[in-house]
N, C-alpha and C. Protein backbone atom coordinates (compact mmCIF):
# COMPACT_ATOMS: atom_id res chain seq x y z
N ALA A 1 11.72 -4.38 -22.28
CA ALA A 1 12.58 -3.36 -21.62
C ALA A 1 13.81 -3.80 -20.92
N ASN A 2 13.73 -4.99 -20.33
CA ASN A 2 14.80 -5.47 -19.58
C ASN A 2 15.98 -5.94 -20.44
N ASP A 3 15.78 -6.32 -21.63
CA ASP A 3 17.01 -6.76 -22.60
C ASP A 3 17.17 -5.60 -23.72
N ALA A 4 16.59 -4.36 -23.48
CA ALA A 4 16.99 -3.22 -24.30
C ALA A 4 18.35 -2.59 -24.27
N ASP A 5 18.97 -2.26 -25.28
CA ASP A 5 20.20 -1.56 -25.36
C ASP A 5 19.86 -0.21 -24.52
N PRO A 6 20.73 0.07 -23.43
CA PRO A 6 20.34 1.26 -22.66
C PRO A 6 20.77 2.61 -23.48
N SER A 7 21.45 2.46 -24.52
CA SER A 7 21.57 3.68 -25.33
C SER A 7 20.37 4.06 -26.10
N GLU A 8 19.68 3.09 -26.18
CA GLU A 8 18.28 3.46 -27.00
C GLU A 8 17.17 3.54 -26.22
N ILE A 9 17.18 3.74 -25.00
CA ILE A 9 16.13 3.96 -24.01
C ILE A 9 16.00 5.43 -23.73
N PHE A 10 14.79 5.83 -23.84
CA PHE A 10 14.47 7.32 -23.59
C PHE A 10 13.20 7.25 -22.63
N LEU A 11 13.24 8.12 -21.71
CA LEU A 11 11.84 8.14 -20.95
C LEU A 11 11.07 9.13 -21.35
N PHE A 12 9.82 8.77 -21.28
CA PHE A 12 8.47 9.77 -21.51
C PHE A 12 7.82 9.46 -20.17
N VAL A 13 7.79 10.81 -19.42
CA VAL A 13 6.93 10.75 -18.20
C VAL A 13 5.70 11.40 -18.39
N CYS A 14 4.56 10.73 -18.44
CA CYS A 14 3.34 11.37 -18.91
C CYS A 14 2.99 12.59 -18.19
N PHE A 15 3.10 12.77 -16.80
CA PHE A 15 2.71 13.98 -16.17
C PHE A 15 3.57 15.29 -16.67
N PHE A 16 4.81 14.93 -17.21
CA PHE A 16 5.56 16.03 -17.82
C PHE A 16 5.02 16.46 -19.02
N CYS A 17 4.51 15.58 -19.90
CA CYS A 17 4.13 15.72 -21.23
C CYS A 17 2.59 16.07 -21.35
N ASN A 18 1.78 15.54 -20.58
CA ASN A 18 0.42 15.75 -20.48
C ASN A 18 0.03 16.60 -19.28
N ASN A 19 0.05 17.99 -19.30
CA ASN A 19 0.00 18.63 -18.09
C ASN A 19 -1.36 18.36 -17.52
N GLN A 20 -1.43 17.42 -16.61
CA GLN A 20 -2.95 17.09 -16.05
C GLN A 20 -3.38 18.18 -15.32
N TRP A 21 -2.81 18.89 -14.69
CA TRP A 21 -3.35 20.10 -14.05
C TRP A 21 -3.99 21.04 -14.98
N ARG A 22 -3.22 21.32 -15.91
CA ARG A 22 -4.03 22.28 -16.89
C ARG A 22 -5.07 21.61 -17.49
N ILE A 23 -4.97 20.44 -17.93
CA ILE A 23 -5.96 19.83 -18.77
C ILE A 23 -7.19 19.73 -18.00
N LEU A 24 -7.11 19.28 -16.68
CA LEU A 24 -8.35 18.87 -15.99
C LEU A 24 -8.69 19.97 -14.94
N VAL A 25 -7.86 20.62 -14.31
CA VAL A 25 -8.30 21.58 -13.30
C VAL A 25 -8.26 22.98 -13.83
N GLU A 26 -7.34 23.51 -14.51
CA GLU A 26 -7.51 24.81 -14.87
C GLU A 26 -8.46 24.87 -16.18
N GLY A 27 -8.64 23.75 -16.90
CA GLY A 27 -9.37 23.80 -18.19
C GLY A 27 -8.68 24.73 -19.25
N SER A 28 -7.30 24.89 -19.14
CA SER A 28 -6.76 25.74 -20.14
C SER A 28 -5.69 24.78 -20.79
N GLY A 29 -5.31 25.44 -21.91
CA GLY A 29 -4.13 24.65 -22.69
C GLY A 29 -5.00 23.53 -23.49
N GLN A 30 -4.23 22.88 -24.23
CA GLN A 30 -4.94 21.86 -25.12
C GLN A 30 -5.29 20.62 -24.23
N GLY A 31 -6.52 20.08 -24.64
CA GLY A 31 -6.80 18.83 -23.87
C GLY A 31 -7.94 18.75 -23.03
N SER A 32 -8.45 19.96 -22.61
CA SER A 32 -9.62 20.01 -21.79
C SER A 32 -10.76 19.26 -22.37
N ASP A 33 -10.99 19.35 -23.52
CA ASP A 33 -12.07 18.82 -24.16
C ASP A 33 -11.85 17.47 -25.04
N ASN A 34 -10.61 17.33 -25.13
CA ASN A 34 -10.18 16.29 -26.11
C ASN A 34 -9.03 15.44 -25.36
N LEU A 35 -9.38 15.05 -24.14
CA LEU A 35 -8.16 14.20 -23.36
C LEU A 35 -7.63 13.05 -24.10
N GLU A 36 -8.64 12.26 -24.68
CA GLU A 36 -8.15 11.19 -25.43
C GLU A 36 -7.29 11.37 -26.56
N ASP A 37 -7.59 12.51 -27.36
CA ASP A 37 -6.67 12.85 -28.42
C ASP A 37 -5.31 13.35 -27.95
N VAL A 38 -5.24 14.07 -26.74
CA VAL A 38 -3.97 14.28 -26.19
C VAL A 38 -3.06 13.09 -25.97
N PHE A 39 -3.73 12.14 -25.13
CA PHE A 39 -3.02 10.86 -24.83
C PHE A 39 -2.78 10.16 -26.07
N ALA A 40 -3.79 10.00 -27.17
CA ALA A 40 -3.28 9.34 -28.27
C ALA A 40 -2.07 9.91 -29.12
N ALA A 41 -2.05 11.26 -29.12
CA ALA A 41 -1.14 11.88 -29.86
C ALA A 41 0.38 11.60 -29.17
N ARG A 42 0.38 11.72 -27.89
CA ARG A 42 1.67 11.28 -27.13
C ARG A 42 2.12 9.78 -27.15
N LEU A 43 1.09 9.08 -27.04
CA LEU A 43 1.39 7.65 -27.20
C LEU A 43 1.80 7.20 -28.60
N LYS A 44 1.26 7.80 -29.46
CA LYS A 44 1.79 7.46 -30.93
C LYS A 44 3.26 8.08 -31.06
N GLN A 45 3.38 9.18 -30.54
CA GLN A 45 4.82 9.83 -30.55
C GLN A 45 5.99 8.87 -30.02
N ILE A 46 5.65 8.28 -28.91
CA ILE A 46 6.68 7.54 -28.07
C ILE A 46 6.62 6.03 -28.94
N GLY A 47 5.45 5.64 -29.26
CA GLY A 47 5.44 4.19 -29.80
C GLY A 47 5.65 2.98 -29.01
N LYS A 48 5.78 3.28 -27.72
CA LYS A 48 6.00 2.09 -26.76
C LYS A 48 5.73 2.47 -25.43
N VAL A 49 5.08 1.66 -24.67
CA VAL A 49 4.71 1.87 -23.18
C VAL A 49 5.41 0.80 -22.49
N VAL A 50 6.18 1.14 -21.29
CA VAL A 50 6.70 0.36 -20.29
C VAL A 50 6.00 0.69 -19.05
N ALA A 51 5.00 -0.26 -18.49
CA ALA A 51 4.31 0.18 -17.14
C ALA A 51 5.04 -0.38 -16.04
N VAL A 52 5.44 0.49 -15.20
CA VAL A 52 6.43 0.19 -14.09
C VAL A 52 5.49 -0.20 -12.90
N MET A 53 5.40 -1.32 -12.64
CA MET A 53 4.37 -1.86 -11.44
C MET A 53 5.23 -2.01 -10.15
N ASP A 54 4.57 -1.66 -9.12
CA ASP A 54 5.28 -1.79 -7.84
C ASP A 54 5.22 -3.27 -7.31
N SER A 55 4.25 -4.03 -7.65
CA SER A 55 4.09 -5.27 -7.15
C SER A 55 3.10 -6.03 -8.05
N TRP A 56 3.05 -7.40 -8.13
CA TRP A 56 2.05 -8.08 -8.83
C TRP A 56 0.77 -8.31 -8.00
N HIS A 57 1.13 -8.18 -6.75
CA HIS A 57 0.22 -8.44 -5.65
C HIS A 57 -0.55 -7.25 -5.26
N ALA A 58 -1.84 -6.98 -5.73
CA ALA A 58 -2.67 -5.59 -5.40
C ALA A 58 -1.69 -4.47 -6.05
N PRO A 59 -1.35 -4.46 -7.30
CA PRO A 59 -0.52 -3.38 -7.78
C PRO A 59 -1.23 -2.08 -7.79
N VAL A 60 -0.52 -1.06 -7.27
CA VAL A 60 -1.16 0.45 -7.31
C VAL A 60 -1.43 0.79 -8.75
N TYR A 61 -0.58 0.32 -9.66
CA TYR A 61 -0.86 0.62 -11.01
C TYR A 61 -2.42 0.29 -11.48
N LEU A 62 -2.99 -0.82 -11.02
CA LEU A 62 -4.32 -1.12 -11.31
C LEU A 62 -5.34 -0.43 -10.52
N GLN A 63 -4.80 0.38 -9.48
CA GLN A 63 -5.83 1.10 -8.80
C GLN A 63 -5.94 2.60 -9.15
N ARG A 64 -5.15 3.21 -10.00
CA ARG A 64 -5.03 4.49 -10.50
C ARG A 64 -5.85 4.59 -11.80
N ILE A 65 -6.83 5.41 -11.89
CA ILE A 65 -7.64 5.74 -13.24
C ILE A 65 -6.63 6.20 -14.24
N TRP A 66 -5.60 7.05 -14.03
CA TRP A 66 -4.72 7.60 -15.10
C TRP A 66 -3.85 6.38 -15.70
N THR A 67 -3.54 5.52 -14.97
CA THR A 67 -2.66 4.40 -15.47
C THR A 67 -3.56 3.31 -16.21
N ILE A 68 -4.68 3.08 -15.71
CA ILE A 68 -5.69 2.13 -16.38
C ILE A 68 -6.05 2.82 -17.82
N PHE A 69 -6.34 4.13 -17.76
CA PHE A 69 -6.77 4.90 -18.96
C PHE A 69 -5.62 4.92 -19.91
N GLU A 70 -4.41 5.13 -19.55
CA GLU A 70 -3.30 5.06 -20.53
C GLU A 70 -2.92 3.73 -21.09
N GLN A 71 -3.16 2.66 -20.30
CA GLN A 71 -2.87 1.43 -20.80
C GLN A 71 -4.00 1.06 -21.80
N TYR A 72 -5.25 1.33 -21.56
CA TYR A 72 -6.41 1.05 -22.46
C TYR A 72 -6.08 1.81 -23.72
N MET A 73 -5.62 3.11 -23.59
CA MET A 73 -5.32 3.87 -24.87
C MET A 73 -4.18 3.24 -25.53
N ALA A 74 -3.22 2.76 -25.03
CA ALA A 74 -2.15 2.03 -25.63
C ALA A 74 -2.44 0.74 -26.35
N ILE A 75 -3.44 0.11 -25.63
CA ILE A 75 -3.84 -1.16 -26.38
C ILE A 75 -4.67 -0.90 -27.48
N SER A 76 -5.53 0.12 -27.29
CA SER A 76 -6.65 0.61 -28.45
C SER A 76 -5.67 1.07 -29.70
N LEU A 77 -4.57 1.80 -29.53
CA LEU A 77 -3.82 2.28 -30.63
C LEU A 77 -2.84 1.33 -31.06
N GLY A 78 -2.81 0.11 -30.61
CA GLY A 78 -1.92 -0.90 -30.98
C GLY A 78 -0.32 -0.56 -30.53
N ILE A 79 -0.23 0.24 -29.54
CA ILE A 79 1.15 0.67 -29.10
C ILE A 79 1.79 -0.56 -28.32
N HIS A 80 2.84 -0.92 -28.55
CA HIS A 80 3.52 -2.01 -27.85
C HIS A 80 3.69 -1.65 -26.44
N MET A 81 3.42 -2.67 -25.59
CA MET A 81 3.24 -2.43 -24.16
C MET A 81 4.08 -3.46 -23.44
N GLU A 82 4.83 -3.03 -22.52
CA GLU A 82 5.62 -4.04 -21.61
C GLU A 82 5.30 -3.70 -20.14
N PHE A 83 5.61 -4.55 -19.35
CA PHE A 83 5.51 -4.40 -18.01
C PHE A 83 6.87 -4.64 -17.41
N THR A 84 7.01 -4.11 -16.23
CA THR A 84 8.27 -4.32 -15.51
C THR A 84 8.07 -4.39 -13.94
N LEU A 85 8.79 -5.00 -13.30
CA LEU A 85 8.57 -5.06 -11.78
C LEU A 85 10.12 -4.82 -11.13
N PRO A 86 9.96 -4.39 -10.08
CA PRO A 86 11.41 -4.44 -9.21
C PRO A 86 11.80 -5.86 -8.94
N THR A 87 13.00 -6.04 -8.59
CA THR A 87 13.51 -7.27 -8.49
C THR A 87 12.88 -8.28 -7.60
N GLU A 88 12.53 -7.87 -6.32
CA GLU A 88 11.83 -8.86 -5.59
C GLU A 88 10.45 -9.13 -5.71
N PRO A 89 9.49 -8.28 -6.29
CA PRO A 89 8.33 -8.63 -6.72
C PRO A 89 8.44 -9.52 -7.96
N SER A 90 9.40 -9.37 -8.72
CA SER A 90 9.72 -10.15 -10.00
C SER A 90 9.96 -11.49 -9.43
N THR A 91 10.80 -11.63 -8.58
CA THR A 91 11.21 -12.96 -8.08
C THR A 91 10.08 -13.70 -7.47
N THR A 92 9.08 -13.04 -6.58
CA THR A 92 8.12 -13.75 -6.04
C THR A 92 6.97 -14.04 -7.03
N LEU A 93 6.94 -13.28 -8.02
CA LEU A 93 5.95 -13.60 -9.29
C LEU A 93 6.44 -15.00 -9.89
N ILE A 94 7.68 -15.00 -10.09
CA ILE A 94 8.08 -16.42 -10.74
C ILE A 94 8.04 -17.71 -9.67
N GLU A 95 8.21 -17.17 -8.39
CA GLU A 95 8.14 -18.25 -7.46
C GLU A 95 6.60 -18.81 -7.30
N GLN A 96 5.79 -17.82 -7.45
CA GLN A 96 4.30 -18.17 -7.33
C GLN A 96 3.89 -18.95 -8.54
N VAL A 97 4.40 -18.42 -9.82
CA VAL A 97 4.00 -19.41 -10.91
C VAL A 97 4.66 -20.77 -10.86
N GLU A 98 5.75 -20.87 -10.28
CA GLU A 98 6.59 -22.12 -10.19
C GLU A 98 5.73 -22.98 -9.37
N GLN A 99 4.86 -22.60 -8.48
CA GLN A 99 3.98 -23.53 -7.60
C GLN A 99 3.06 -24.24 -8.40
N GLY A 100 2.76 -23.98 -9.70
CA GLY A 100 1.84 -24.79 -10.55
C GLY A 100 0.50 -24.12 -10.49
N LYS A 101 -0.47 -24.91 -10.72
CA LYS A 101 -1.85 -24.53 -11.00
C LYS A 101 -2.39 -23.47 -9.98
N GLU A 102 -2.20 -23.78 -8.70
CA GLU A 102 -2.72 -22.77 -7.49
C GLU A 102 -1.88 -21.56 -7.70
N GLY A 103 -0.52 -21.56 -7.78
CA GLY A 103 0.33 -20.35 -8.03
C GLY A 103 -0.17 -19.44 -8.99
N ILE A 104 -0.37 -20.09 -10.23
CA ILE A 104 -0.81 -19.30 -11.43
C ILE A 104 -1.97 -18.62 -11.18
N ALA A 105 -3.04 -19.42 -10.67
CA ALA A 105 -4.39 -18.90 -10.31
C ALA A 105 -4.26 -17.73 -9.38
N ALA A 106 -3.38 -17.86 -8.45
CA ALA A 106 -3.30 -16.67 -7.45
C ALA A 106 -2.74 -15.42 -8.23
N VAL A 107 -1.74 -15.74 -9.03
CA VAL A 107 -1.12 -14.47 -9.90
C VAL A 107 -2.25 -13.75 -10.76
N ILE A 108 -2.87 -14.78 -11.44
CA ILE A 108 -4.02 -14.21 -12.45
C ILE A 108 -5.13 -13.39 -11.57
N HIS A 109 -5.43 -13.96 -10.38
CA HIS A 109 -6.41 -13.22 -9.57
C HIS A 109 -6.05 -12.00 -9.16
N GLU A 110 -4.68 -11.79 -8.72
CA GLU A 110 -4.29 -10.51 -8.33
C GLU A 110 -4.07 -9.45 -9.46
N VAL A 111 -3.46 -10.07 -10.72
CA VAL A 111 -3.29 -8.92 -11.75
C VAL A 111 -4.61 -8.79 -12.58
N SER A 112 -5.59 -9.50 -12.30
CA SER A 112 -6.77 -9.25 -13.00
C SER A 112 -7.83 -8.43 -12.25
N GLN A 113 -7.39 -7.74 -11.14
CA GLN A 113 -8.37 -6.98 -10.44
C GLN A 113 -8.36 -5.65 -11.01
N VAL A 114 -8.92 -5.41 -12.08
CA VAL A 114 -8.95 -4.11 -12.76
C VAL A 114 -10.48 -3.71 -12.75
N ASP A 115 -10.53 -2.59 -12.02
CA ASP A 115 -11.91 -2.11 -11.94
C ASP A 115 -11.76 -0.39 -12.09
N ALA A 116 -11.85 -0.11 -13.41
CA ALA A 116 -11.87 1.34 -13.77
C ALA A 116 -12.71 2.15 -13.09
N LYS A 117 -13.91 1.72 -12.85
CA LYS A 117 -14.90 2.42 -12.11
C LYS A 117 -14.65 2.63 -10.64
N SER A 118 -13.82 1.88 -9.93
CA SER A 118 -13.42 2.03 -8.70
C SER A 118 -12.00 2.71 -8.46
N ALA A 119 -11.30 2.78 -9.52
CA ALA A 119 -10.02 3.42 -9.59
C ALA A 119 -10.04 4.83 -9.12
N ARG A 120 -9.04 5.12 -8.51
CA ARG A 120 -8.83 6.63 -7.97
C ARG A 120 -7.80 7.52 -8.71
N ALA A 121 -7.94 8.78 -8.49
CA ALA A 121 -6.81 9.69 -8.89
C ALA A 121 -6.57 10.66 -7.60
N THR A 122 -5.53 11.26 -7.53
CA THR A 122 -5.23 12.13 -6.53
C THR A 122 -6.17 13.12 -6.43
N TYR A 123 -6.61 13.76 -7.57
CA TYR A 123 -7.60 14.84 -7.48
C TYR A 123 -8.89 14.37 -7.90
N GLU A 124 -9.97 14.78 -7.45
CA GLU A 124 -11.34 14.43 -7.64
C GLU A 124 -11.69 14.73 -9.07
N GLN A 125 -11.11 15.89 -9.45
CA GLN A 125 -11.53 16.54 -10.83
C GLN A 125 -10.81 15.43 -11.84
N ASP A 126 -9.69 15.03 -11.71
CA ASP A 126 -9.07 14.26 -12.54
C ASP A 126 -9.87 12.97 -12.67
N GLU A 127 -10.25 12.38 -11.67
CA GLU A 127 -10.90 11.18 -11.59
C GLU A 127 -12.20 11.32 -12.39
N ARG A 128 -12.97 12.27 -12.02
CA ARG A 128 -14.27 12.46 -12.67
C ARG A 128 -14.15 12.68 -14.31
N LYS A 129 -13.27 13.43 -14.68
CA LYS A 129 -12.98 13.64 -15.98
C LYS A 129 -12.63 12.40 -16.83
N VAL A 130 -11.74 11.75 -16.24
CA VAL A 130 -11.15 10.39 -17.02
C VAL A 130 -12.42 9.48 -17.04
N LYS A 131 -13.10 9.36 -15.79
CA LYS A 131 -14.23 8.47 -15.82
C LYS A 131 -15.33 8.74 -16.56
N ASP A 132 -15.64 10.11 -16.70
CA ASP A 132 -16.74 10.63 -17.57
C ASP A 132 -16.37 10.22 -19.00
N LEU A 133 -15.08 10.40 -19.29
CA LEU A 133 -14.61 10.10 -20.88
C LEU A 133 -14.95 8.59 -20.97
N ILE A 134 -14.42 7.73 -20.14
CA ILE A 134 -14.68 6.26 -20.33
C ILE A 134 -16.11 6.05 -20.38
N GLU A 135 -16.94 6.52 -19.58
CA GLU A 135 -18.38 6.14 -19.56
C GLU A 135 -19.12 6.50 -20.81
N ARG A 136 -18.65 7.87 -21.38
CA ARG A 136 -19.17 8.39 -22.54
C ARG A 136 -18.94 7.66 -23.88
N THR A 137 -17.77 7.14 -23.87
CA THR A 137 -17.23 6.47 -25.03
C THR A 137 -17.31 4.94 -24.97
N ILE A 138 -16.38 4.29 -24.44
CA ILE A 138 -16.11 2.80 -24.50
C ILE A 138 -16.73 2.04 -23.44
N GLY A 139 -16.89 2.61 -22.28
CA GLY A 139 -17.43 1.98 -21.13
C GLY A 139 -16.41 1.33 -20.20
N PHE A 140 -16.87 1.15 -18.95
CA PHE A 140 -15.90 0.59 -17.93
C PHE A 140 -15.52 -1.00 -18.23
N ASP A 141 -16.49 -1.82 -18.62
CA ASP A 141 -16.44 -3.21 -18.86
C ASP A 141 -15.34 -3.38 -20.09
N LEU A 142 -15.36 -2.65 -21.16
CA LEU A 142 -14.38 -3.05 -22.11
C LEU A 142 -13.03 -2.37 -21.77
N VAL A 143 -12.95 -1.36 -21.06
CA VAL A 143 -11.50 -0.90 -20.44
C VAL A 143 -11.05 -1.98 -19.47
N ASN A 144 -11.87 -2.53 -18.61
CA ASN A 144 -11.45 -3.47 -17.63
C ASN A 144 -11.05 -4.66 -18.48
N GLU A 145 -11.74 -5.11 -19.40
CA GLU A 145 -11.45 -6.45 -20.12
C GLU A 145 -10.17 -6.30 -20.88
N GLN A 146 -9.95 -5.24 -21.55
CA GLN A 146 -8.70 -5.13 -22.38
C GLN A 146 -7.55 -4.87 -21.51
N VAL A 147 -7.54 -4.32 -20.34
CA VAL A 147 -6.43 -4.24 -19.64
C VAL A 147 -6.13 -5.61 -18.87
N LYS A 148 -7.18 -6.22 -18.50
CA LYS A 148 -6.91 -7.51 -17.96
C LYS A 148 -6.24 -8.51 -18.90
N ARG A 149 -6.56 -8.51 -20.20
CA ARG A 149 -6.00 -9.31 -21.25
C ARG A 149 -4.48 -9.13 -21.32
N SER A 150 -4.05 -7.62 -21.39
CA SER A 150 -2.96 -7.12 -21.48
C SER A 150 -2.04 -7.63 -20.35
N ILE A 151 -2.54 -7.42 -18.97
CA ILE A 151 -1.67 -7.95 -17.97
C ILE A 151 -1.48 -9.50 -17.99
N THR A 152 -2.68 -10.30 -18.16
CA THR A 152 -2.49 -11.67 -18.25
C THR A 152 -1.56 -12.20 -19.26
N ALA A 153 -1.58 -11.57 -20.44
CA ALA A 153 -0.67 -11.81 -21.51
C ALA A 153 0.97 -11.62 -21.09
N TRP A 154 0.95 -10.49 -20.26
CA TRP A 154 2.37 -10.25 -19.69
C TRP A 154 2.90 -11.35 -18.75
N VAL A 155 1.89 -11.77 -18.08
CA VAL A 155 2.25 -12.91 -16.92
C VAL A 155 2.59 -14.17 -17.67
N ALA A 156 1.87 -14.41 -18.85
CA ALA A 156 2.09 -15.56 -19.65
C ALA A 156 3.49 -15.48 -20.24
N GLN A 157 3.81 -14.34 -20.77
CA GLN A 157 5.19 -13.99 -21.34
C GLN A 157 6.26 -14.26 -20.30
N GLU A 158 5.96 -13.75 -19.11
CA GLU A 158 6.97 -13.98 -18.07
C GLU A 158 7.36 -15.48 -17.82
N PHE A 159 6.16 -16.17 -17.73
CA PHE A 159 6.32 -17.57 -17.31
C PHE A 159 6.99 -18.21 -18.53
N LYS A 160 6.66 -17.94 -19.81
CA LYS A 160 7.56 -18.51 -20.91
C LYS A 160 8.92 -18.21 -20.91
N ALA A 161 9.24 -17.11 -20.59
CA ALA A 161 10.65 -16.68 -20.30
C ALA A 161 11.31 -17.54 -19.35
N ARG A 162 10.66 -17.76 -18.32
CA ARG A 162 11.28 -18.49 -17.25
C ARG A 162 11.45 -20.00 -17.64
N ILE A 163 10.31 -20.64 -18.38
CA ILE A 163 10.62 -21.93 -18.88
C ILE A 163 11.75 -21.92 -19.90
N ASP A 164 11.84 -21.13 -20.91
CA ASP A 164 12.97 -20.86 -21.71
C ASP A 164 14.30 -20.93 -21.19
N ALA A 165 14.32 -20.04 -20.16
CA ALA A 165 15.63 -20.07 -19.37
C ALA A 165 15.99 -21.41 -18.61
N LEU A 166 14.98 -22.06 -18.13
CA LEU A 166 15.07 -23.38 -17.58
C LEU A 166 15.62 -24.42 -18.68
N VAL A 167 15.07 -24.37 -19.77
CA VAL A 167 15.36 -25.20 -20.82
C VAL A 167 16.75 -24.93 -21.09
N HIS A 168 17.17 -23.57 -21.26
CA HIS A 168 18.54 -23.30 -21.67
C HIS A 168 19.76 -23.87 -20.67
N GLN A 169 19.21 -23.58 -19.52
CA GLN A 169 19.95 -24.09 -18.20
C GLN A 169 20.34 -25.65 -18.29
N SER A 170 19.26 -26.44 -18.58
CA SER A 170 19.36 -27.84 -18.69
C SER A 170 20.20 -28.31 -19.84
N GLN A 171 20.42 -27.44 -20.76
CA GLN A 171 21.25 -27.86 -21.80
C GLN A 171 22.61 -27.51 -21.82
N THR A 172 22.97 -26.67 -20.72
CA THR A 172 24.43 -26.46 -20.68
C THR A 172 25.09 -27.10 -19.52
């Protein structure tokens, strides 16, 4: 997302397209009984997900059941997934990784704290619906494992990009 042509960027904001209130609370409109189908259809339409995280340290993104579920769905569907951080947390992520083994371990520990079973939603009905779906189908362990893999792959990619930049700098 960071090196994309701005004229080719379009935003899809899930709560505008997946009317979560109608899906889960009112029980009306499409999606009440097929939440995973609604999410799958929307994700396939957009073809790419950029997860906007607030921080790499205890990110809110990993504490919310909707975002964990959306990420799991994107992974399951083979939808390209990217992560992005604001400037300051991005800088501290790289600084932490540059500390070596201990720094990398600290980052991995923070970003791998995925626990769909403990994740929350603003409305209890939302939380119950999504968690019931996870429990009925794939299970919390599989969701957690796949989301952890995705996040740690992102951290590795960021580290590689930093190394590439340093190599390029040393050659100029």
